[in-house]
Amino acid sequence: MSSGGGLLTSTLLNTTGLELSGEVAEKFKGKVLDTIIVGGGPAGLNAAIYAARFGLSSIIITEEVGGQVGKAGWVEDYLGYTRITGPDLVNKFEEHVKYYNVPILLDSVEKVVKEGELFRVITVSGDEFTSRTVIIAVGEKRRKLNVPGEDKYNGRGVSYCAPCDAPLFKDKVVAVVGGGDSAASAALLLTEYATKVYMIHRRDKLRAQPIYQELLLKNNKITIIWNTVVKELKGDKVLKSAVLQRVDTGQITELPIDGIFVEIGAEPPINFFKSMGLELDGNGYIVVNHMMETSVKGVYAAGDCVSLTPRGFRQIIVAAAQGALAAYSAYNYILTKYGQNREK
């Protein structure tokens, strides 16, 4: 499973925010958790809150808290917040989870193995945990441009996180690649720092919500370059320009820029899903029913990694709601199978 590189060591975050290293395996050794939540985005974090409210023992295992939300620009469509940055919203989510004393383990899950009625979850760091159910909420992996220079200038002009890196480009010229909500959000955020923002989109119209399109077109700092793709990134020690190609005429141009933000969508970790024996749709997303049940009994899935979520409408509030449903289904499964008197 991957939505970024896994950590080499496990770190358990407790409710005071202190990091407890080297104690994770011992803390849960010989114990059977009610559920293990794989993934720490809105779906996974909300699943943890509901699991705690249902009285289930659980742990979150995730490579990063917040998932893609932590890389979002301005969020203006989440209930209760008229305008908040992705990282700030993630902080609110994490505080809520900590309130319910659900441990968060920063690590990458290597495999999930069903053994009889239980599940063994093995991390890249070598820790193993046992649970009665598993909730998969791993989201998607960011797509890369896969062009010459992208890896070379990663961190030196190439970025995949506008909220993280936008302040580094104050008074600079930058570009955003993409035409969806995330690209629009990133471009609007960047106008608060950069002197000029180009949006490079391979089609002749945007996929972003109408309100985003209206804001983009009204902002005099933003110029949209239509029907164009990035062919190469060039520079010396840092990024200096992007080689562009028109998709309709094939014309090649070179755009001088100081930074480029890649927002061209994502894809699920298909190999990880296949290793669990989960039924997938034609695009590699987990097939679930309306209660977030997968084809494997005792395994539930929620968020951007499931087929039920419309691909053109990956929303934080949808993922969070699905996380709640997954926890509810896990609770009903455990209650029916083990009753209230199971050993914790």
C-alpha atoms as a PDB file:
ATOM      1  CA  MET A   1       0.000   0.000   0.000  1.00  0.00           C
ATOM      2  CA  SER A   2       1.329   3.429  -0.753  1.00  0.00           C
ATOM      3  CA  SER A   3       0.333   7.035  -0.860  1.00  0.00           C
ATOM      4  CA  GLY A   4       3.897   8.144  -0.366  1.00  0.00           C
ATOM      5  CA  GLY A   5       6.900   6.357   1.100  1.00  0.00           C
ATOM      6  CA  GLY A   6       6.492   4.338   4.264  1.00  0.00           C
ATOM      7  CA  LEU A   7       8.472   5.271   7.353  1.00  0.00           C
ATOM      8  CA  LEU A   8      11.404   3.158   8.449  1.00  0.00           C
ATOM      9  CA  THR A   9      10.311   3.114  12.068  1.00  0.00           C
ATOM     10  CA  SER A  10       6.936   3.072  13.749  1.00  0.00           C
ATOM     11  CA  THR A  11       5.758   5.993  15.825  1.00  0.00           C
ATOM     12  CA  LEU A  12       2.708   5.874  18.059  1.00  0.00           C
ATOM     13  CA  LEU A  13       1.110   9.244  18.711  1.00  0.00           C
ATOM     14  CA  ASN A  14      -0.629   9.396  22.066  1.00  0.00           C
ATOM     15  CA  THR A  15      -3.274  11.870  23.145  1.00  0.00           C
ATOM     16  CA  THR A  16      -0.710  14.350  24.479  1.00  0.00           C
ATOM     17  CA  GLY A  17       1.047  14.473  21.099  1.00  0.00           C
ATOM     18  CA  LEU A  18       4.186  12.788  22.447  1.00  0.00           C
ATOM     19  CA  GLU A  19       5.921  10.257  20.218  1.00  0.00           C
ATOM     20  CA  LEU A  20       6.469   6.809  21.684  1.00  0.00           C
ATOM     21  CA  SER A  21       8.978   4.875  19.570  1.00  0.00           C
ATOM     22  CA  GLY A  22       9.836   1.211  19.951  1.00  0.00           C
ATOM     23  CA  GLU A  23       6.825   0.434  22.159  1.00  0.00           C
ATOM     24  CA  VAL A  24       4.181  -0.198  19.564  1.00  0.00           C
ATOM     25  CA  ALA A  25       4.508  -3.958  19.108  1.00  0.00           C
ATOM     26  CA  GLU A  26       4.742  -4.550  22.876  1.00  0.00           C
ATOM     27  CA  LYS A  27       1.721  -2.376  23.608  1.00  0.00           C
ATOM     28  CA  PHE A  28      -0.532  -4.558  21.455  1.00  0.00           C
ATOM     29  CA  LYS A  29       1.288  -7.892  21.729  1.00  0.00           C
ATOM     30  CA  GLY A  30      -1.142 -10.737  22.359  1.00  0.00           C
ATOM     31  CA  LYS A  31      -4.165  -8.441  22.057  1.00  0.00           C
ATOM     32  CA  VAL A  32      -6.956  -8.683  19.535  1.00  0.00           C
ATOM     33  CA  LEU A  33      -8.273  -5.314  18.459  1.00  0.00           C
ATOM     34  CA  ASP A  34     -11.851  -4.934  17.292  1.00  0.00           C
ATOM     35  CA  THR A  35     -10.747  -3.092  14.175  1.00  0.00           C
ATOM     36  CA  ILE A  36      -7.602  -1.801  12.504  1.00  0.00           C
ATOM     37  CA  ILE A  37      -8.072   1.240  10.306  1.00  0.00           C
ATOM     38  CA  VAL A  38      -5.611   1.404   7.415  1.00  0.00           C
ATOM     39  CA  GLY A  39      -5.360   5.000   6.268  1.00  0.00           C
ATOM     40  CA  GLY A  40      -5.551   8.341   8.049  1.00  0.00           C
ATOM     41  CA  GLY A  41      -7.479  10.628   5.711  1.00  0.00           C
ATOM     42  CA  PRO A  42     -11.024  11.881   6.408  1.00  0.00           C
ATOM     43  CA  ALA A  43     -12.516   8.391   5.944  1.00  0.00           C
ATOM     44  CA  GLY A  44     -10.052   6.686   8.283  1.00  0.00           C
ATOM     45  CA  LEU A  45     -10.100   9.406  10.929  1.00  0.00           C
ATOM     46  CA  ASN A  46     -13.888   9.561  11.024  1.00  0.00           C
ATOM     47  CA  ALA A  47     -14.060   5.757  11.134  1.00  0.00           C
ATOM     48  CA  ALA A  48     -11.841   5.928  14.230  1.00  0.00           C
ATOM     49  CA  ILE A  49     -14.123   8.452  15.928  1.00  0.00           C
ATOM     50  CA  TYR A  50     -17.219   6.347  15.279  1.00  0.00           C
ATOM     51  CA  ALA A  51     -15.443   3.122  16.256  1.00  0.00           C
ATOM     52  CA  ALA A  52     -14.566   4.710  19.595  1.00  0.00           C
ATOM     53  CA  ARG A  53     -18.129   5.891  20.097  1.00  0.00           C
ATOM     54  CA  PHE A  54     -19.340   2.337  19.402  1.00  0.00           C
ATOM     55  CA  GLY A  55     -16.954   1.049  22.064  1.00  0.00           C
ATOM     56  CA  LEU A  56     -14.609  -0.700  19.629  1.00  0.00           C
ATOM     57  CA  SER A  57     -10.910  -0.990  20.368  1.00  0.00           C
ATOM     58  CA  SER A  58      -8.987   0.290  17.367  1.00  0.00           C
ATOM     59  CA  ILE A  59      -5.790   1.744  15.983  1.00  0.00           C
ATOM     60  CA  ILE A  60      -5.111   3.818  12.876  1.00  0.00           C
ATOM     61  CA  ILE A  61      -2.111   2.884  10.735  1.00  0.00           C
ATOM     62  CA  THR A  62      -1.257   5.534   8.178  1.00  0.00           C
ATOM     63  CA  GLU A  63       1.729   6.995   6.372  1.00  0.00           C
ATOM     64  CA  GLU A  64       0.500  10.523   7.005  1.00  0.00           C
ATOM     65  CA  VAL A  65      -2.339  12.021   8.992  1.00  0.00           C
ATOM     66  CA  GLY A  66      -4.873  13.742   6.781  1.00  0.00           C
ATOM     67  CA  GLY A  67      -3.963  12.126   3.477  1.00  0.00           C
ATOM     68  CA  GLN A  68      -4.590  14.327   0.449  1.00  0.00           C
ATOM     69  CA  VAL A  69      -6.531  16.870   2.520  1.00  0.00           C
ATOM     70  CA  GLY A  70      -3.257  17.934   4.108  1.00  0.00           C
ATOM     71  CA  LYS A  71      -2.040  18.897   0.630  1.00  0.00           C
ATOM     72  CA  ALA A  72      -5.175  20.822  -0.322  1.00  0.00           C
ATOM     73  CA  GLY A  73      -5.296  24.584  -0.662  1.00  0.00           C
ATOM     74  CA  TRP A  74      -8.334  26.446   0.561  1.00  0.00           C
ATOM     75  CA  VAL A  75     -11.249  24.208   1.564  1.00  0.00           C
ATOM     76  CA  GLU A  76     -14.552  26.065   1.234  1.00  0.00           C
ATOM     77  CA  ASP A  77     -17.065  23.241   0.940  1.00  0.00           C
ATOM     78  CA  TYR A  78     -16.765  21.378   4.253  1.00  0.00           C
ATOM     79  CA  LEU A  79     -19.706  21.889   6.586  1.00  0.00           C
ATOM     80  CA  GLY A  80     -18.943  24.290   9.432  1.00  0.00           C
ATOM     81  CA  TYR A  81     -15.979  26.019   7.782  1.00  0.00           C
ATOM     82  CA  THR A  82     -16.580  28.755   5.239  1.00  0.00           C
ATOM     83  CA  ARG A  83     -12.847  28.842   4.455  1.00  0.00           C
ATOM     84  CA  ILE A  84     -10.002  26.827   5.951  1.00  0.00           C
ATOM     85  CA  THR A  85      -6.732  25.456   4.618  1.00  0.00           C
ATOM     86  CA  GLY A  86      -6.343  21.714   4.163  1.00  0.00           C
ATOM     87  CA  PRO A  87      -3.613  21.405   6.838  1.00  0.00           C
ATOM     88  CA  ASP A  88      -5.680  23.369   9.354  1.00  0.00           C
ATOM     89  CA  LEU A  89      -8.690  21.142   8.711  1.00  0.00           C
ATOM     90  CA  VAL A  90      -6.511  18.068   9.224  1.00  0.00           C
ATOM     91  CA  ASN A  91      -5.383  19.480  12.591  1.00  0.00           C
ATOM     92  CA  LYS A  92      -9.030  19.765  13.610  1.00  0.00           C
ATOM     93  CA  PHE A  93      -9.660  16.163  12.545  1.00  0.00           C
ATOM     94  CA  GLU A  94      -6.623  14.911  14.462  1.00  0.00           C
ATOM     95  CA  GLU A  95      -7.633  16.767  17.623  1.00  0.00           C
ATOM     96  CA  HIS A  96     -11.036  15.084  17.440  1.00  0.00           C
ATOM     97  CA  VAL A  97      -9.478  11.623  17.094  1.00  0.00           C
ATOM     98  CA  LYS A  98      -7.129  12.286  20.009  1.00  0.00           C
ATOM     99  CA  TYR A  99     -10.124  13.266  22.125  1.00  0.00           C
ATOM    100  CA  TYR A 100     -11.339   9.684  21.748  1.00  0.00           C
ATOM    101  CA  ASN A 101      -7.897   8.242  22.625  1.00  0.00           C
ATOM    102  CA  VAL A 102      -7.494   6.346  19.359  1.00  0.00           C
ATOM    103  CA  PRO A 103      -3.772   5.684  18.772  1.00  0.00           C
ATOM    104  CA  ILE A 104      -2.307   6.732  15.421  1.00  0.00           C
ATOM    105  CA  LEU A 105       0.613   4.673  14.152  1.00  0.00           C
ATOM    106  CA  LEU A 106       2.675   6.363  11.445  1.00  0.00           C
ATOM    107  CA  ASP A 107       3.733   3.495   9.214  1.00  0.00           C
ATOM    108  CA  SER A 108       2.909   1.758   5.958  1.00  0.00           C
ATOM    109  CA  VAL A 109       0.898  -1.469   5.877  1.00  0.00           C
ATOM    110  CA  GLU A 110       2.674  -4.117   3.842  1.00  0.00           C
ATOM    111  CA  LYS A 111       0.009  -6.807   3.921  1.00  0.00           C
ATOM    112  CA  VAL A 112      -3.254  -7.897   5.517  1.00  0.00           C
ATOM    113  CA  VAL A 113      -3.674 -11.642   5.985  1.00  0.00           C
ATOM    114  CA  LYS A 114      -6.883 -13.362   7.033  1.00  0.00           C
ATOM    115  CA  GLU A 115      -6.217 -16.217   9.465  1.00  0.00           C
ATOM    116  CA  GLY A 116      -9.390 -18.038  10.417  1.00  0.00           C
ATOM    117  CA  GLU A 117     -11.807 -15.437  11.750  1.00  0.00           C
ATOM    118  CA  LEU A 118      -9.101 -12.868  12.496  1.00  0.00           C
ATOM    119  CA  PHE A 119      -6.838 -10.572  10.495  1.00  0.00           C
ATOM    120  CA  ARG A 120      -3.089 -10.146  10.825  1.00  0.00           C
ATOM    121  CA  VAL A 121      -1.880  -6.713   9.750  1.00  0.00           C
ATOM    122  CA  ILE A 122       1.840  -6.439   9.014  1.00  0.00           C
ATOM    123  CA  THR A 123       3.620  -3.106   8.598  1.00  0.00           C
ATOM    124  CA  VAL A 124       6.703  -2.237   6.567  1.00  0.00           C
ATOM    125  CA  SER A 125       8.523  -1.702   9.859  1.00  0.00           C
ATOM    126  CA  GLY A 126       7.863  -5.316  10.820  1.00  0.00           C
ATOM    127  CA  ASP A 127       5.213  -4.774  13.476  1.00  0.00           C
ATOM    128  CA  GLU A 128       2.218  -7.105  13.511  1.00  0.00           C
ATOM    129  CA  PHE A 129      -1.267  -6.520  14.867  1.00  0.00           C
ATOM    130  CA  THR A 130      -4.352  -8.722  15.103  1.00  0.00           C
ATOM    131  CA  SER A 131      -7.947  -7.624  14.739  1.00  0.00           C
ATOM    132  CA  ARG A 132     -11.461  -8.897  14.247  1.00  0.00           C
ATOM    133  CA  THR A 133     -12.165  -6.489  11.384  1.00  0.00           C
ATOM    134  CA  VAL A 134     -10.236  -4.168   9.070  1.00  0.00           C
ATOM    135  CA  ILE A 135     -11.306  -0.850   7.575  1.00  0.00           C
ATOM    136  CA  ILE A 136      -9.418   0.138   4.419  1.00  0.00           C
ATOM    137  CA  ALA A 137      -9.322   3.909   3.916  1.00  0.00           C
ATOM    138  CA  VAL A 138      -6.097   4.435   2.006  1.00  0.00           C
ATOM    139  CA  GLY A 139      -7.380   6.906  -0.574  1.00  0.00           C
ATOM    140  CA  GLU A 140      -5.390   7.298  -3.757  1.00  0.00           C
ATOM    141  CA  LYS A 141      -1.786   7.855  -4.794  1.00  0.00           C
ATOM    142  CA  ARG A 142      -0.902  11.142  -6.479  1.00  0.00           C
ATOM    143  CA  ARG A 143      -0.125  10.800 -10.185  1.00  0.00           C
ATOM    144  CA  LYS A 144       3.150  12.171 -11.488  1.00  0.00           C
ATOM    145  CA  LEU A 145       3.846  13.810 -14.825  1.00  0.00           C
ATOM    146  CA  ASN A 146       6.457  11.157 -15.653  1.00  0.00           C
ATOM    147  CA  VAL A 147       8.497  13.563 -17.762  1.00  0.00           C
ATOM    148  CA  PRO A 148      12.253  14.224 -17.866  1.00  0.00           C
ATOM    149  CA  GLY A 149      13.343  16.514 -15.050  1.00  0.00           C
ATOM    150  CA  GLU A 150      10.413  15.790 -12.726  1.00  0.00           C
ATOM    151  CA  ASP A 151      12.373  13.667 -10.275  1.00  0.00           C
ATOM    152  CA  LYS A 152      15.516  15.771 -10.646  1.00  0.00           C
ATOM    153  CA  TYR A 153      13.736  18.949  -9.557  1.00  0.00           C
ATOM    154  CA  ASN A 154      11.427  17.373  -6.990  1.00  0.00           C
ATOM    155  CA  GLY A 155      11.788  19.646  -3.981  1.00  0.00           C
ATOM    156  CA  ARG A 156      13.720  22.140  -6.088  1.00  0.00           C
ATOM    157  CA  GLY A 157      10.813  23.649  -7.932  1.00  0.00           C
ATOM    158  CA  VAL A 158       8.550  20.632  -8.401  1.00  0.00           C
ATOM    159  CA  SER A 159       5.875  20.227  -5.738  1.00  0.00           C
ATOM    160  CA  TYR A 160       2.807  18.080  -5.113  1.00  0.00           C
ATOM    161  CA  CYS A 161       1.565  20.126  -2.144  1.00  0.00           C
ATOM    162  CA  ALA A 162       0.531  23.756  -2.596  1.00  0.00           C
ATOM    163  CA  PRO A 163      -0.231  24.478   1.097  1.00  0.00           C
ATOM    164  CA  CYS A 164       3.144  23.006   2.084  1.00  0.00           C
ATOM    165  CA  ASP A 165       5.262  24.883  -0.440  1.00  0.00           C
ATOM    166  CA  ALA A 166       3.319  27.955  -1.586  1.00  0.00           C
ATOM    167  CA  PRO A 167       5.111  30.319   0.871  1.00  0.00           C
ATOM    168  CA  LEU A 168       8.442  29.303  -0.728  1.00  0.00           C
ATOM    169  CA  PHE A 169       7.372  30.951  -3.986  1.00  0.00           C
ATOM    170  CA  LYS A 170       6.626  34.449  -2.740  1.00  0.00           C
ATOM    171  CA  ASP A 171       7.063  36.942  -5.591  1.00  0.00           C
ATOM    172  CA  LYS A 172       7.863  34.088  -8.017  1.00  0.00           C
ATOM    173  CA  VAL A 173       6.259  32.782 -11.200  1.00  0.00           C
ATOM    174  CA  VAL A 174       4.686  29.341 -10.876  1.00  0.00           C
ATOM    175  CA  ALA A 175       2.528  26.898 -12.824  1.00  0.00           C
ATOM    176  CA  VAL A 176      -0.152  24.409 -11.798  1.00  0.00           C
ATOM    177  CA  VAL A 177      -0.783  21.345 -13.953  1.00  0.00           C
ATOM    178  CA  GLY A 178      -4.364  20.074 -13.951  1.00  0.00           C
ATOM    179  CA  GLY A 179      -7.939  21.156 -14.435  1.00  0.00           C
ATOM    180  CA  GLY A 180      -9.888  19.698 -11.525  1.00  0.00           C
ATOM    181  CA  ASP A 181     -10.842  21.002  -8.094  1.00  0.00           C
ATOM    182  CA  SER A 182      -7.441  20.329  -6.552  1.00  0.00           C
ATOM    183  CA  ALA A 183      -5.653  22.204  -9.340  1.00  0.00           C
ATOM    184  CA  ALA A 184      -8.051  25.137  -9.059  1.00  0.00           C
ATOM    185  CA  SER A 185      -7.697  25.253  -5.282  1.00  0.00           C
ATOM    186  CA  ALA A 186      -3.905  25.156  -5.566  1.00  0.00           C
ATOM    187  CA  ALA A 187      -3.846  27.941  -8.169  1.00  0.00           C
ATOM    188  CA  LEU A 188      -6.045  30.209  -6.057  1.00  0.00           C
ATOM    189  CA  LEU A 189      -3.901  29.629  -2.971  1.00  0.00           C
ATOM    190  CA  LEU A 190      -0.712  30.341  -4.918  1.00  0.00           C
ATOM    191  CA  THR A 191      -1.996  33.751  -6.010  1.00  0.00           C
ATOM    192  CA  GLU A 192      -1.580  34.849  -2.406  1.00  0.00           C
ATOM    193  CA  TYR A 193       2.192  34.368  -2.747  1.00  0.00           C
ATOM    194  CA  ALA A 194       3.289  34.267  -6.384  1.00  0.00           C
ATOM    195  CA  THR A 195       3.258  37.214  -8.783  1.00  0.00           C
ATOM    196  CA  LYS A 196       1.975  35.036 -11.638  1.00  0.00           C
ATOM    197  CA  VAL A 197       0.244  31.644 -11.779  1.00  0.00           C
ATOM    198  CA  TYR A 198      -0.179  29.643 -14.979  1.00  0.00           C
ATOM    199  CA  MET A 199      -2.652  26.770 -15.151  1.00  0.00           C
ATOM    200  CA  ILE A 200      -1.632  24.169 -17.724  1.00  0.00           C
ATOM    201  CA  HIS A 201      -4.519  21.964 -18.806  1.00  0.00           C
ATOM    202  CA  ARG A 202      -4.589  19.356 -21.558  1.00  0.00           C
ATOM    203  CA  ARG A 203      -8.219  20.004 -22.487  1.00  0.00           C
ATOM    204  CA  ASP A 204     -10.164  23.051 -23.676  1.00  0.00           C
ATOM    205  CA  LYS A 205     -12.306  23.259 -20.546  1.00  0.00           C
ATOM    206  CA  LEU A 206     -11.826  22.709 -16.829  1.00  0.00           C
ATOM    207  CA  ARG A 207     -13.312  19.927 -14.731  1.00  0.00           C
ATOM    208  CA  ALA A 208     -13.334  22.066 -11.573  1.00  0.00           C
ATOM    209  CA  GLN A 209     -16.616  23.101  -9.963  1.00  0.00           C
ATOM    210  CA  PRO A 210     -18.273  26.188 -11.499  1.00  0.00           C
ATOM    211  CA  ILE A 211     -17.519  28.331  -8.453  1.00  0.00           C
ATOM    212  CA  TYR A 212     -13.815  27.525  -8.790  1.00  0.00           C
ATOM    213  CA  GLN A 213     -13.891  28.326 -12.499  1.00  0.00           C
ATOM    214  CA  GLU A 214     -15.496  31.667 -11.804  1.00  0.00           C
ATOM    215  CA  LEU A 215     -12.831  32.556  -9.234  1.00  0.00           C
ATOM    216  CA  LEU A 216     -10.028  31.471 -11.568  1.00  0.00           C
ATOM    217  CA  LEU A 217     -11.290  33.535 -14.489  1.00  0.00           C
ATOM    218  CA  LYS A 218     -11.764  36.614 -12.298  1.00  0.00           C
ATOM    219  CA  ASN A 219      -8.240  36.476 -10.844  1.00  0.00           C
ATOM    220  CA  ASN A 220      -5.870  38.630 -12.901  1.00  0.00           C
ATOM    221  CA  LYS A 221      -2.836  36.744 -11.581  1.00  0.00           C
ATOM    222  CA  ILE A 222      -3.986  33.517 -13.248  1.00  0.00           C
ATOM    223  CA  THR A 223      -3.556  32.633 -16.908  1.00  0.00           C
ATOM    224  CA  ILE A 224      -4.917  29.322 -18.202  1.00  0.00           C
ATOM    225  CA  ILE A 225      -2.923  27.599 -20.947  1.00  0.00           C
ATOM    226  CA  TRP A 226      -5.420  25.360 -22.743  1.00  0.00           C
ATOM    227  CA  ASN A 227      -4.879  22.166 -24.768  1.00  0.00           C
ATOM    228  CA  THR A 228      -1.331  21.829 -23.517  1.00  0.00           C
ATOM    229  CA  VAL A 229       0.797  19.205 -21.771  1.00  0.00           C
ATOM    230  CA  VAL A 230       4.182  19.330 -20.058  1.00  0.00           C
ATOM    231  CA  LYS A 231       6.867  17.424 -21.967  1.00  0.00           C
ATOM    232  CA  GLU A 232       9.987  18.253 -19.935  1.00  0.00           C
ATOM    233  CA  LEU A 233      11.206  20.262 -16.945  1.00  0.00           C
ATOM    234  CA  LYS A 234      14.512  22.109 -17.271  1.00  0.00           C
ATOM    235  CA  GLY A 235      16.864  24.093 -15.088  1.00  0.00           C
ATOM    236  CA  ASP A 236      20.248  24.015 -13.386  1.00  0.00           C
ATOM    237  CA  LYS A 237      20.343  23.513  -9.631  1.00  0.00           C
ATOM    238  CA  VAL A 238      16.675  24.463  -9.485  1.00  0.00           C
ATOM    239  CA  LEU A 239      13.749  24.443 -11.907  1.00  0.00           C
ATOM    240  CA  LYS A 240      13.860  27.225 -14.495  1.00  0.00           C
ATOM    241  CA  SER A 241      11.344  26.316 -17.187  1.00  0.00           C
ATOM    242  CA  ALA A 242       8.768  23.866 -18.509  1.00  0.00           C
ATOM    243  CA  VAL A 243       8.735  22.592 -22.077  1.00  0.00           C
ATOM    244  CA  LEU A 244       5.119  22.598 -23.282  1.00  0.00           C
ATOM    245  CA  GLN A 245       3.399  20.992 -26.227  1.00  0.00           C
ATOM    246  CA  ARG A 246       0.037  21.833 -27.740  1.00  0.00           C
ATOM    247  CA  VAL A 247      -2.080  18.691 -28.052  1.00  0.00           C
ATOM    248  CA  ASP A 248      -3.893  19.975 -31.146  1.00  0.00           C
ATOM    249  CA  THR A 249      -1.009  21.380 -33.213  1.00  0.00           C
ATOM    250  CA  GLY A 250       2.056  19.760 -31.644  1.00  0.00           C
ATOM    251  CA  GLN A 251       3.710  23.163 -31.254  1.00  0.00           C
ATOM    252  CA  ILE A 252       6.537  23.225 -28.703  1.00  0.00           C
ATOM    253  CA  THR A 253       7.165  26.230 -26.449  1.00  0.00           C
ATOM    254  CA  GLU A 254       9.198  26.855 -23.321  1.00  0.00           C
ATOM    255  CA  LEU A 255       7.648  28.609 -20.315  1.00  0.00           C
ATOM    256  CA  PRO A 256      10.010  30.276 -17.792  1.00  0.00           C
ATOM    257  CA  ILE A 257       8.829  29.411 -14.257  1.00  0.00           C
ATOM    258  CA  ASP A 258      10.275  29.127 -10.768  1.00  0.00           C
ATOM    259  CA  GLY A 259       7.998  26.330  -9.620  1.00  0.00           C
ATOM    260  CA  ILE A 260       5.415  23.838 -10.817  1.00  0.00           C
ATOM    261  CA  PHE A 261       2.651  22.181  -8.801  1.00  0.00           C
ATOM    262  CA  VAL A 262       1.362  18.839 -10.097  1.00  0.00           C
ATOM    263  CA  GLU A 263      -2.385  18.315  -9.591  1.00  0.00           C
ATOM    264  CA  ILE A 264      -3.374  15.738 -12.222  1.00  0.00           C
ATOM    265  CA  GLY A 265      -5.362  13.293 -10.166  1.00  0.00           C
ATOM    266  CA  ALA A 266      -4.604  10.036  -8.436  1.00  0.00           C
ATOM    267  CA  GLU A 267      -4.956   6.259  -8.656  1.00  0.00           C
ATOM    268  CA  PRO A 268      -5.584   3.527  -6.061  1.00  0.00           C
ATOM    269  CA  PRO A 269      -2.927   1.088  -4.748  1.00  0.00           C
ATOM    270  CA  ILE A 270      -4.248  -1.796  -6.842  1.00  0.00           C
ATOM    271  CA  ASN A 271      -1.581  -4.380  -5.945  1.00  0.00           C
ATOM    272  CA  PHE A 272      -2.269  -3.936  -2.240  1.00  0.00           C
ATOM    273  CA  PHE A 273      -5.983  -4.503  -2.803  1.00  0.00           C
ATOM    274  CA  LYS A 274      -5.337  -7.576  -4.938  1.00  0.00           C
ATOM    275  CA  SER A 275      -3.100  -9.094  -2.261  1.00  0.00           C
ATOM    276  CA  MET A 276      -6.103  -9.039   0.085  1.00  0.00           C
ATOM    277  CA  GLY A 277      -8.348 -10.764  -2.445  1.00  0.00           C
ATOM    278  CA  LEU A 278     -10.727  -7.810  -2.649  1.00  0.00           C
ATOM    279  CA  GLU A 279     -13.099  -7.479  -5.581  1.00  0.00           C
ATOM    280  CA  LEU A 280     -12.160  -4.434  -7.672  1.00  0.00           C
ATOM    281  CA  ASP A 281     -13.916  -2.520 -10.408  1.00  0.00           C
ATOM    282  CA  GLY A 282     -12.433  -1.950 -13.853  1.00  0.00           C
ATOM    283  CA  ASN A 283     -10.355   0.984 -12.604  1.00  0.00           C
ATOM    284  CA  GLY A 284      -8.908  -0.811  -9.590  1.00  0.00           C
ATOM    285  CA  TYR A 285     -11.185   0.653  -6.904  1.00  0.00           C
ATOM    286  CA  ILE A 286     -12.644  -1.539  -4.154  1.00  0.00           C
ATOM    287  CA  VAL A 287     -16.187  -2.720  -4.809  1.00  0.00           C
ATOM    288  CA  VAL A 288     -18.404  -2.032  -1.782  1.00  0.00           C
ATOM    289  CA  ASN A 289     -22.118  -1.985  -1.096  1.00  0.00           C
ATOM    290  CA  HIS A 290     -24.033   0.893   0.509  1.00  0.00           C
ATOM    291  CA  MET A 291     -22.796  -0.202   3.955  1.00  0.00           C
ATOM    292  CA  MET A 292     -19.139  -0.184   2.837  1.00  0.00           C
ATOM    293  CA  GLU A 293     -18.872  -3.984   2.983  1.00  0.00           C
ATOM    294  CA  THR A 294     -16.277  -5.512   0.642  1.00  0.00           C
ATOM    295  CA  SER A 295     -16.164  -8.975  -0.910  1.00  0.00           C
ATOM    296  CA  VAL A 296     -14.120 -10.223   2.078  1.00  0.00           C
ATOM    297  CA  LYS A 297     -16.174 -10.732   5.226  1.00  0.00           C
ATOM    298  CA  GLY A 298     -14.934  -8.540   8.040  1.00  0.00           C
ATOM    299  CA  VAL A 299     -13.206  -6.065   5.711  1.00  0.00           C
ATOM    300  CA  TYR A 300     -14.768  -2.682   5.056  1.00  0.00           C
ATOM    301  CA  ALA A 301     -13.584   0.176   2.865  1.00  0.00           C
ATOM    302  CA  ALA A 302     -14.325   3.878   2.646  1.00  0.00           C
ATOM    303  CA  GLY A 303     -13.247   7.073   0.948  1.00  0.00           C
ATOM    304  CA  ASP A 304     -11.515   7.720  -2.343  1.00  0.00           C
ATOM    305  CA  CYS A 305     -10.359   4.097  -2.685  1.00  0.00           C
ATOM    306  CA  VAL A 306     -13.864   2.674  -3.188  1.00  0.00           C
ATOM    307  CA  SER A 307     -15.920   2.301  -6.360  1.00  0.00           C
ATOM    308  CA  LEU A 308     -19.006   3.785  -4.699  1.00  0.00           C
ATOM    309  CA  THR A 309     -17.447   7.267  -4.626  1.00  0.00           C
ATOM    310  CA  PRO A 310     -18.013   9.117  -7.927  1.00  0.00           C
ATOM    311  CA  ARG A 311     -14.602   9.655  -9.503  1.00  0.00           C
ATOM    312  CA  GLY A 312     -15.484  13.198 -10.468  1.00  0.00           C
ATOM    313  CA  PHE A 313     -16.726  14.021  -6.984  1.00  0.00           C
ATOM    314  CA  ARG A 314     -14.028  13.070  -4.491  1.00  0.00           C
ATOM    315  CA  GLN A 315     -15.192  15.144  -1.529  1.00  0.00           C
ATOM    316  CA  ILE A 316     -13.965  15.299   2.057  1.00  0.00           C
ATOM    317  CA  ILE A 317     -17.474  15.131   3.449  1.00  0.00           C
ATOM    318  CA  VAL A 318     -18.304  12.049   1.359  1.00  0.00           C
ATOM    319  CA  ALA A 319     -15.181  10.210   2.559  1.00  0.00           C
ATOM    320  CA  ALA A 320     -15.916  11.110   6.184  1.00  0.00           C
ATOM    321  CA  ALA A 321     -19.493   9.851   5.904  1.00  0.00           C
ATOM    322  CA  GLN A 322     -18.330   6.580   4.373  1.00  0.00           C
ATOM    323  CA  GLY A 323     -15.832   6.167   7.211  1.00  0.00           C
ATOM    324  CA  ALA A 324     -18.673   6.448   9.705  1.00  0.00           C
ATOM    325  CA  LEU A 325     -20.679   3.822   7.801  1.00  0.00           C
ATOM    326  CA  ALA A 326     -17.676   1.468   7.690  1.00  0.00           C
ATOM    327  CA  ALA A 327     -17.255   1.732  11.464  1.00  0.00           C
ATOM    328  CA  TYR A 328     -20.962   1.120  11.950  1.00  0.00           C
ATOM    329  CA  SER A 329     -20.821  -2.000   9.794  1.00  0.00           C
ATOM    330  CA  ALA A 330     -17.752  -3.262  11.656  1.00  0.00           C
ATOM    331  CA  TYR A 331     -19.577  -2.679  14.945  1.00  0.00           C
ATOM    332  CA  ASN A 332     -22.661  -4.629  13.821  1.00  0.00           C
ATOM    333  CA  TYR A 333     -20.485  -7.471  12.528  1.00  0.00           C
ATOM    334  CA  ILE A 334     -18.579  -7.725  15.816  1.00  0.00           C
ATOM    335  CA  LEU A 335     -21.725  -7.414  17.922  1.00  0.00           C
ATOM    336  CA  THR A 336     -23.431 -10.191  15.980  1.00  0.00           C
ATOM    337  CA  LYS A 337     -20.421 -12.496  15.922  1.00  0.00           C
ATOM    338  CA  TYR A 338     -18.825 -11.908  19.310  1.00  0.00           C
ATOM    339  CA  GLY A 339     -21.393 -10.106  21.467  1.00  0.00           C
ATOM    340  CA  GLN A 340     -20.701  -7.501  24.117  1.00  0.00           C
ATOM    341  CA  ASN A 341     -18.575  -9.764  26.288  1.00  0.00           C
ATOM    342  CA  ARG A 342     -15.639 -10.261  23.918  1.00  0.00           C
ATOM    343  CA  GLU A 343     -12.217  -9.990  25.513  1.00  0.00           C
ATOM    344  CA  LYS A 344     -10.474  -6.689  24.754  1.00  0.00           C
END
